[in-house]
Amino acid sequence: MRYRLLFITAALCVAATCLAQRHYVIQHKPYIDLRPMHFGISVGMNLQDIEFETESPTVCDANRWNAGFSVGVLADMRLSNNLNLRIVPTMHFGSKHLVFNKLDTSAASSTPRSKTQDLKNTYLSVPIDLKFSAQRWNNIRPYMLAGINGMVNLTNKSQEIVQLKRTDLMLEVGLGCDLYLPFFKLAPELKFCYGLGDRIDKGHVDDIKDEYKKTYANSIKSGHTKMIVLTFYFE
């Protein structure tokens, strides 16, 4: 009886040890989040769009989200255990595809006249975000962020119809997850940005010589930029 009890006790101990080992996860970089400040790099892609307010009978629309490339550097300052201040100077390369549909009311059939324009741009953005992180669970740590993003268009050359202002200020919110790897921390992040001001350069209309193009340009009351950014941070 005594040997049977010892055998059962030993078997239970072995089973408990195996179960504990099965659920034990090696904590990679356990002190990496205690740094007062650290730096990193970012790469990703962006989708750009612009939302117009127009007058009839002319309609202008960015009829699709255009994919672009983003690359930047990260500076992160630790404010508390769950709060960080981040500055991420980034270059966004992309374009916006615009379609203009003018309804010719003088024609009996009211046939539409169409015109397209590609707005190619290279933005230098300097977002300032507050990052709120949940508690770390093994090697993952989800987070949310919000902030403002000042942007400058470095390729703001003269356009044939719509001309955008050189600078923009965007409100941005996002979410991501820190993944702790053996040699560094990887953080995939999805961010949504919306322009706070009117981006349309009204003074550009006076420089347009073509009357049809001027009609298209005059039909636009305002335009607000939008952008979705998928980023991978290496810290």
C-alpha atoms as a PDB file:
ATOM      1  CA  MET A   1       0.000   0.000   0.000  1.00  0.00           C
ATOM      2  CA  ARG A   2       2.832   2.341   0.923  1.00  0.00           C
ATOM      3  CA  TYR A   3       4.638   1.733  -2.405  1.00  0.00           C
ATOM      4  CA  ARG A   4       1.400   2.233  -4.302  1.00  0.00           C
ATOM      5  CA  LEU A   5       0.848   5.573  -2.584  1.00  0.00           C
ATOM      6  CA  LEU A   6       4.427   6.627  -3.342  1.00  0.00           C
ATOM      7  CA  PHE A   7       4.003   5.613  -6.972  1.00  0.00           C
ATOM      8  CA  ILE A   8       0.759   7.597  -7.307  1.00  0.00           C
ATOM      9  CA  THR A   9       2.373  10.622  -5.631  1.00  0.00           C
ATOM     10  CA  ALA A  10       5.415  10.426  -7.919  1.00  0.00           C
ATOM     11  CA  ALA A  11       3.195  10.048 -10.990  1.00  0.00           C
ATOM     12  CA  LEU A  12       1.173  13.102  -9.976  1.00  0.00           C
ATOM     13  CA  CYS A  13       4.369  15.118  -9.455  1.00  0.00           C
ATOM     14  CA  VAL A  14       5.722  14.129 -12.866  1.00  0.00           C
ATOM     15  CA  ALA A  15       2.394  14.960 -14.511  1.00  0.00           C
ATOM     16  CA  ALA A  16       2.256  18.335 -12.771  1.00  0.00           C
ATOM     17  CA  THR A  17       5.841  19.108 -13.845  1.00  0.00           C
ATOM     18  CA  CYS A  18       5.126  18.183 -17.463  1.00  0.00           C
ATOM     19  CA  LEU A  19       1.970  20.285 -17.446  1.00  0.00           C
ATOM     20  CA  ALA A  20       3.848  23.243 -16.020  1.00  0.00           C
ATOM     21  CA  GLN A  21       6.580  22.909 -18.638  1.00  0.00           C
ATOM     22  CA  ARG A  22       3.988  22.753 -21.377  1.00  0.00           C
ATOM     23  CA  HIS A  23       2.532  26.127 -20.359  1.00  0.00           C
ATOM     24  CA  TYR A  24       5.838  27.791 -19.529  1.00  0.00           C
ATOM     25  CA  VAL A  25       6.943  30.346 -22.108  1.00  0.00           C
ATOM     26  CA  ILE A  26      10.421  31.829 -22.222  1.00  0.00           C
ATOM     27  CA  GLN A  27      10.152  35.576 -21.636  1.00  0.00           C
ATOM     28  CA  HIS A  28      12.124  37.258 -24.395  1.00  0.00           C
ATOM     29  CA  LYS A  29      13.612  40.657 -23.586  1.00  0.00           C
ATOM     30  CA  PRO A  30      11.981  40.895 -20.114  1.00  0.00           C
ATOM     31  CA  TYR A  31      13.448  44.352 -19.348  1.00  0.00           C
ATOM     32  CA  ILE A  32      13.180  45.973 -22.757  1.00  0.00           C
ATOM     33  CA  ASP A  33      10.180  48.131 -21.777  1.00  0.00           C
ATOM     34  CA  LEU A  34      12.009  49.617 -18.780  1.00  0.00           C
ATOM     35  CA  ARG A  35      14.290  51.753 -20.953  1.00  0.00           C
ATOM     36  CA  PRO A  36      13.618  55.492 -20.428  1.00  0.00           C
ATOM     37  CA  MET A  37      14.069  56.089 -24.163  1.00  0.00           C
ATOM     38  CA  HIS A  38      14.737  53.910 -27.170  1.00  0.00           C
ATOM     39  CA  PHE A  39      14.806  54.125 -30.956  1.00  0.00           C
ATOM     40  CA  GLY A  40      13.775  51.964 -33.876  1.00  0.00           C
ATOM     41  CA  ILE A  41      12.871  51.858 -37.544  1.00  0.00           C
ATOM     42  CA  SER A  42       9.566  51.351 -39.338  1.00  0.00           C
ATOM     43  CA  VAL A  43       8.481  50.077 -42.732  1.00  0.00           C
ATOM     44  CA  GLY A  44       4.996  49.585 -44.091  1.00  0.00           C
ATOM     45  CA  MET A  45       2.364  50.538 -46.607  1.00  0.00           C
ATOM     46  CA  ASN A  46      -0.269  53.264 -46.817  1.00  0.00           C
ATOM     47  CA  LEU A  47      -3.621  53.753 -48.521  1.00  0.00           C
ATOM     48  CA  GLN A  48      -4.442  57.356 -49.445  1.00  0.00           C
ATOM     49  CA  ASP A  49      -7.785  58.960 -50.231  1.00  0.00           C
ATOM     50  CA  ILE A  50      -9.392  62.396 -50.239  1.00  0.00           C
ATOM     51  CA  GLU A  51     -13.003  63.244 -49.417  1.00  0.00           C
ATOM     52  CA  PHE A  52     -14.496  66.091 -51.483  1.00  0.00           C
ATOM     53  CA  GLU A  53     -17.444  68.372 -50.940  1.00  0.00           C
ATOM     54  CA  THR A  54     -18.597  69.380 -54.436  1.00  0.00           C
ATOM     55  CA  GLU A  55     -21.277  71.331 -56.274  1.00  0.00           C
ATOM     56  CA  SER A  56     -23.514  69.789 -58.948  1.00  0.00           C
ATOM     57  CA  PRO A  57     -23.674  69.248 -61.868  1.00  0.00           C
ATOM     58  CA  THR A  58     -19.953  68.410 -61.585  1.00  0.00           C
ATOM     59  CA  VAL A  59     -18.903  65.542 -59.362  1.00  0.00           C
ATOM     60  CA  CYS A  60     -15.333  64.870 -58.269  1.00  0.00           C
ATOM     61  CA  ASP A  61     -14.317  61.746 -56.436  1.00  0.00           C
ATOM     62  CA  ALA A  62     -11.213  59.760 -55.514  1.00  0.00           C
ATOM     63  CA  ASN A  63     -12.659  56.518 -56.806  1.00  0.00           C
ATOM     64  CA  ARG A  64     -10.166  54.156 -55.195  1.00  0.00           C
ATOM     65  CA  TRP A  65      -7.665  53.791 -52.386  1.00  0.00           C
ATOM     66  CA  ASN A  66      -4.142  53.875 -53.814  1.00  0.00           C
ATOM     67  CA  ALA A  67      -1.439  51.821 -52.108  1.00  0.00           C
ATOM     68  CA  GLY A  68       1.914  53.394 -51.294  1.00  0.00           C
ATOM     69  CA  PHE A  69       5.097  52.745 -49.318  1.00  0.00           C
ATOM     70  CA  SER A  70       6.141  54.167 -45.934  1.00  0.00           C
ATOM     71  CA  VAL A  71       9.486  54.193 -44.119  1.00  0.00           C
ATOM     72  CA  GLY A  72      10.521  56.015 -40.969  1.00  0.00           C
ATOM     73  CA  VAL A  73      12.409  56.153 -37.676  1.00  0.00           C
ATOM     74  CA  LEU A  74      11.025  55.902 -34.147  1.00  0.00           C
ATOM     75  CA  ALA A  75      11.848  57.738 -30.923  1.00  0.00           C
ATOM     76  CA  ASP A  76       9.986  56.406 -27.871  1.00  0.00           C
ATOM     77  CA  MET A  77       9.992  57.924 -24.362  1.00  0.00           C
ATOM     78  CA  ARG A  78       8.659  55.959 -21.394  1.00  0.00           C
ATOM     79  CA  LEU A  79       6.282  58.036 -19.255  1.00  0.00           C
ATOM     80  CA  SER A  80       4.943  55.250 -17.018  1.00  0.00           C
ATOM     81  CA  ASN A  81       4.505  51.486 -16.993  1.00  0.00           C
ATOM     82  CA  ASN A  82       1.673  51.691 -19.522  1.00  0.00           C
ATOM     83  CA  LEU A  83       2.139  55.056 -21.227  1.00  0.00           C
ATOM     84  CA  ASN A  84       4.727  56.140 -23.805  1.00  0.00           C
ATOM     85  CA  LEU A  85       5.280  59.263 -25.897  1.00  0.00           C
ATOM     86  CA  ARG A  86       6.270  58.508 -29.489  1.00  0.00           C
ATOM     87  CA  ILE A  87       7.607  60.619 -32.337  1.00  0.00           C
ATOM     88  CA  VAL A  88       7.896  58.818 -35.682  1.00  0.00           C
ATOM     89  CA  PRO A  89       9.252  60.939 -38.595  1.00  0.00           C
ATOM     90  CA  THR A  90       8.075  59.072 -41.688  1.00  0.00           C
ATOM     91  CA  MET A  91       8.169  59.354 -45.465  1.00  0.00           C
ATOM     92  CA  HIS A  92       4.955  58.323 -47.235  1.00  0.00           C
ATOM     93  CA  PHE A  93       5.156  57.678 -50.981  1.00  0.00           C
ATOM     94  CA  GLY A  94       1.818  57.378 -52.788  1.00  0.00           C
ATOM     95  CA  SER A  95      -0.807  58.950 -55.016  1.00  0.00           C
ATOM     96  CA  LYS A  96      -4.499  59.777 -55.293  1.00  0.00           C
ATOM     97  CA  HIS A  97      -6.560  58.990 -58.394  1.00  0.00           C
ATOM     98  CA  LEU A  98      -9.301  61.567 -59.064  1.00  0.00           C
ATOM     99  CA  VAL A  99     -12.260  61.257 -61.428  1.00  0.00           C
ATOM    100  CA  PHE A 100     -14.316  64.271 -62.567  1.00  0.00           C
ATOM    101  CA  ASN A 101     -17.785  63.774 -64.070  1.00  0.00           C
ATOM    102  CA  LYS A 102     -19.388  66.906 -65.520  1.00  0.00           C
ATOM    103  CA  LEU A 103     -23.014  66.611 -66.567  1.00  0.00           C
ATOM    104  CA  ASP A 104     -23.518  68.644 -69.752  1.00  0.00           C
ATOM    105  CA  THR A 105     -27.025  69.995 -69.167  1.00  0.00           C
ATOM    106  CA  SER A 106     -27.077  71.786 -72.512  1.00  0.00           C
ATOM    107  CA  ALA A 107     -27.234  68.458 -74.363  1.00  0.00           C
ATOM    108  CA  ALA A 108     -30.561  66.749 -74.801  1.00  0.00           C
ATOM    109  CA  SER A 109     -29.234  63.432 -73.551  1.00  0.00           C
ATOM    110  CA  SER A 110     -27.309  65.027 -70.661  1.00  0.00           C
ATOM    111  CA  THR A 111     -24.194  63.100 -71.565  1.00  0.00           C
ATOM    112  CA  PRO A 112     -21.453  63.143 -68.915  1.00  0.00           C
ATOM    113  CA  ARG A 113     -17.965  64.407 -69.629  1.00  0.00           C
ATOM    114  CA  SER A 114     -15.207  62.661 -67.700  1.00  0.00           C
ATOM    115  CA  LYS A 115     -11.675  63.627 -66.770  1.00  0.00           C
ATOM    116  CA  THR A 116      -9.092  61.934 -64.556  1.00  0.00           C
ATOM    117  CA  GLN A 117      -6.099  63.194 -62.614  1.00  0.00           C
ATOM    118  CA  ASP A 118      -3.343  61.427 -60.664  1.00  0.00           C
ATOM    119  CA  LEU A 119      -1.996  63.315 -57.668  1.00  0.00           C
ATOM    120  CA  LYS A 120       1.417  61.843 -56.913  1.00  0.00           C
ATOM    121  CA  ASN A 121       2.841  62.894 -53.578  1.00  0.00           C
ATOM    122  CA  THR A 122       5.676  62.320 -51.145  1.00  0.00           C
ATOM    123  CA  TYR A 123       4.768  63.286 -47.594  1.00  0.00           C
ATOM    124  CA  LEU A 124       7.134  63.979 -44.745  1.00  0.00           C
ATOM    125  CA  SER A 125       5.088  63.387 -41.609  1.00  0.00           C
ATOM    126  CA  VAL A 126       5.996  63.917 -37.952  1.00  0.00           C
ATOM    127  CA  PRO A 127       3.307  62.253 -35.831  1.00  0.00           C
ATOM    128  CA  ILE A 128       3.297  62.766 -32.065  1.00  0.00           C
ATOM    129  CA  ASP A 129       1.342  59.982 -30.357  1.00  0.00           C
ATOM    130  CA  LEU A 130       0.509  58.741 -26.895  1.00  0.00           C
ATOM    131  CA  LYS A 131       0.768  54.956 -26.714  1.00  0.00           C
ATOM    132  CA  PHE A 132      -1.255  53.161 -24.024  1.00  0.00           C
ATOM    133  CA  SER A 133      -0.174  49.540 -23.532  1.00  0.00           C
ATOM    134  CA  ALA A 134      -1.907  46.694 -21.732  1.00  0.00           C
ATOM    135  CA  GLN A 135      -0.023  44.418 -19.356  1.00  0.00           C
ATOM    136  CA  ARG A 136       2.448  42.093 -21.017  1.00  0.00           C
ATOM    137  CA  TRP A 137       1.253  38.503 -21.431  1.00  0.00           C
ATOM    138  CA  ASN A 138       4.128  36.148 -22.141  1.00  0.00           C
ATOM    139  CA  ASN A 139       5.666  37.620 -25.323  1.00  0.00           C
ATOM    140  CA  ILE A 140       2.814  39.800 -26.558  1.00  0.00           C
ATOM    141  CA  ARG A 141       1.504  43.175 -25.428  1.00  0.00           C
ATOM    142  CA  PRO A 142      -1.384  44.916 -27.245  1.00  0.00           C
ATOM    143  CA  TYR A 143      -1.663  48.681 -27.276  1.00  0.00           C
ATOM    144  CA  MET A 144      -3.705  51.631 -28.537  1.00  0.00           C
ATOM    145  CA  LEU A 145      -2.499  55.067 -29.587  1.00  0.00           C
ATOM    146  CA  ALA A 146      -3.804  58.492 -30.526  1.00  0.00           C
ATOM    147  CA  GLY A 147      -2.215  61.769 -31.551  1.00  0.00           C
ATOM    148  CA  ILE A 148      -1.712  64.415 -34.206  1.00  0.00           C
ATOM    149  CA  ASN A 149       0.317  64.241 -37.390  1.00  0.00           C
ATOM    150  CA  GLY A 150       1.835  67.230 -39.149  1.00  0.00           C
ATOM    151  CA  MET A 151       2.564  66.561 -42.823  1.00  0.00           C
ATOM    152  CA  VAL A 152       4.420  68.380 -45.599  1.00  0.00           C
ATOM    153  CA  ASN A 153       4.096  67.441 -49.278  1.00  0.00           C
ATOM    154  CA  LEU A 154       7.613  67.481 -50.735  1.00  0.00           C
ATOM    155  CA  THR A 155       6.429  67.048 -54.353  1.00  0.00           C
ATOM    156  CA  ASN A 156       3.749  69.704 -54.432  1.00  0.00           C
ATOM    157  CA  LYS A 157       4.272  70.682 -58.069  1.00  0.00           C
ATOM    158  CA  SER A 158       1.625  72.483 -60.130  1.00  0.00           C
ATOM    159  CA  GLN A 159      -1.323  70.268 -61.128  1.00  0.00           C
ATOM    160  CA  GLU A 160      -3.672  70.590 -64.091  1.00  0.00           C
ATOM    161  CA  ILE A 161      -6.979  70.639 -62.162  1.00  0.00           C
ATOM    162  CA  VAL A 162      -6.860  70.083 -58.398  1.00  0.00           C
ATOM    163  CA  GLN A 163      -3.973  71.548 -56.439  1.00  0.00           C
ATOM    164  CA  LEU A 164      -3.511  70.566 -52.793  1.00  0.00           C
ATOM    165  CA  LYS A 165      -1.990  72.770 -50.132  1.00  0.00           C
ATOM    166  CA  ARG A 166       1.557  71.971 -49.168  1.00  0.00           C
ATOM    167  CA  THR A 167       0.887  71.247 -45.481  1.00  0.00           C
ATOM    168  CA  ASP A 168      -1.713  69.237 -43.614  1.00  0.00           C
ATOM    169  CA  LEU A 169      -2.599  68.378 -40.015  1.00  0.00           C
ATOM    170  CA  MET A 170      -4.180  65.010 -39.319  1.00  0.00           C
ATOM    171  CA  LEU A 171      -5.805  63.359 -36.323  1.00  0.00           C
ATOM    172  CA  GLU A 172      -4.816  59.713 -35.961  1.00  0.00           C
ATOM    173  CA  VAL A 173      -5.832  56.711 -33.889  1.00  0.00           C
ATOM    174  CA  GLY A 174      -4.544  53.174 -34.084  1.00  0.00           C
ATOM    175  CA  LEU A 175      -3.889  49.855 -32.447  1.00  0.00           C
ATOM    176  CA  GLY A 176      -1.044  47.389 -32.498  1.00  0.00           C
ATOM    177  CA  CYS A 177       0.726  44.640 -30.628  1.00  0.00           C
ATOM    178  CA  ASP A 178       4.293  44.353 -29.350  1.00  0.00           C
ATOM    179  CA  LEU A 179       5.795  40.939 -30.120  1.00  0.00           C
ATOM    180  CA  TYR A 180       8.868  40.121 -28.032  1.00  0.00           C
ATOM    181  CA  LEU A 181      11.373  38.113 -30.064  1.00  0.00           C
ATOM    182  CA  PRO A 182      14.753  36.751 -28.897  1.00  0.00           C
ATOM    183  CA  PHE A 183      16.817  39.608 -30.371  1.00  0.00           C
ATOM    184  CA  PHE A 184      14.389  42.533 -30.823  1.00  0.00           C
ATOM    185  CA  LYS A 185      10.781  43.659 -30.467  1.00  0.00           C
ATOM    186  CA  LEU A 186       8.478  43.618 -33.501  1.00  0.00           C
ATOM    187  CA  ALA A 187       5.269  45.656 -33.481  1.00  0.00           C
ATOM    188  CA  PRO A 188       2.682  45.469 -36.282  1.00  0.00           C
ATOM    189  CA  GLU A 189       0.392  48.502 -36.139  1.00  0.00           C
ATOM    190  CA  LEU A 190      -2.710  49.696 -37.995  1.00  0.00           C
ATOM    191  CA  LYS A 191      -3.395  53.437 -37.939  1.00  0.00           C
ATOM    192  CA  PHE A 192      -6.254  55.587 -39.267  1.00  0.00           C
ATOM    193  CA  CYS A 193      -5.568  59.249 -40.129  1.00  0.00           C
ATOM    194  CA  TYR A 194      -8.048  62.017 -41.019  1.00  0.00           C
ATOM    195  CA  GLY A 195      -7.188  65.543 -42.153  1.00  0.00           C
ATOM    196  CA  LEU A 196      -8.534  68.333 -39.952  1.00  0.00           C
ATOM    197  CA  GLY A 197      -8.366  71.158 -42.486  1.00  0.00           C
ATOM    198  CA  ASP A 198      -9.365  71.905 -46.066  1.00  0.00           C
ATOM    199  CA  ARG A 199      -6.550  70.781 -48.374  1.00  0.00           C
ATOM    200  CA  ILE A 200      -7.781  72.439 -51.597  1.00  0.00           C
ATOM    201  CA  ASP A 201      -5.665  75.332 -52.875  1.00  0.00           C
ATOM    202  CA  LYS A 202      -8.325  77.747 -54.160  1.00  0.00           C
ATOM    203  CA  GLY A 203      -5.769  80.151 -55.638  1.00  0.00           C
ATOM    204  CA  HIS A 204      -4.697  77.542 -58.184  1.00  0.00           C
ATOM    205  CA  VAL A 205      -7.993  77.931 -60.089  1.00  0.00           C
ATOM    206  CA  ASP A 206      -6.980  81.358 -61.420  1.00  0.00           C
ATOM    207  CA  ASP A 207      -3.949  79.800 -63.146  1.00  0.00           C
ATOM    208  CA  ILE A 208      -6.009  77.276 -65.137  1.00  0.00           C
ATOM    209  CA  LYS A 209      -6.470  78.328 -68.790  1.00  0.00           C
ATOM    210  CA  ASP A 210      -8.715  75.508 -69.989  1.00  0.00           C
ATOM    211  CA  GLU A 211     -12.376  76.398 -69.283  1.00  0.00           C
ATOM    212  CA  TYR A 212     -13.504  72.787 -68.849  1.00  0.00           C
ATOM    213  CA  LYS A 213     -10.742  72.132 -66.338  1.00  0.00           C
ATOM    214  CA  LYS A 214     -11.576  75.378 -64.559  1.00  0.00           C
ATOM    215  CA  THR A 215     -15.203  74.218 -64.292  1.00  0.00           C
ATOM    216  CA  TYR A 216     -14.044  71.010 -62.645  1.00  0.00           C
ATOM    217  CA  ALA A 217     -11.804  72.887 -60.222  1.00  0.00           C
ATOM    218  CA  ASN A 218     -14.485  75.462 -59.324  1.00  0.00           C
ATOM    219  CA  SER A 219     -16.960  72.707 -58.460  1.00  0.00           C
ATOM    220  CA  ILE A 220     -14.911  71.587 -55.445  1.00  0.00           C
ATOM    221  CA  LYS A 221     -15.784  73.352 -52.203  1.00  0.00           C
ATOM    222  CA  SER A 222     -13.375  71.532 -49.907  1.00  0.00           C
ATOM    223  CA  GLY A 223     -11.338  68.368 -49.539  1.00  0.00           C
ATOM    224  CA  HIS A 224     -10.149  66.399 -46.510  1.00  0.00           C
ATOM    225  CA  THR A 225      -7.411  63.798 -46.784  1.00  0.00           C
ATOM    226  CA  LYS A 226      -7.660  60.310 -45.309  1.00  0.00           C
ATOM    227  CA  MET A 227      -5.002  57.662 -44.901  1.00  0.00           C
ATOM    228  CA  ILE A 228      -4.710  54.130 -43.536  1.00  0.00           C
ATOM    229  CA  VAL A 229      -1.204  53.050 -42.555  1.00  0.00           C
ATOM    230  CA  LEU A 230      -0.016  49.507 -41.808  1.00  0.00           C
ATOM    231  CA  THR A 231       3.403  49.692 -40.158  1.00  0.00           C
ATOM    232  CA  PHE A 232       5.937  47.211 -38.798  1.00  0.00           C
ATOM    233  CA  TYR A 233       8.242  48.604 -36.090  1.00  0.00           C
ATOM    234  CA  PHE A 234      11.608  47.054 -35.279  1.00  0.00           C
ATOM    235  CA  GLU A 235      12.746  48.172 -31.819  1.00  0.00           C
END
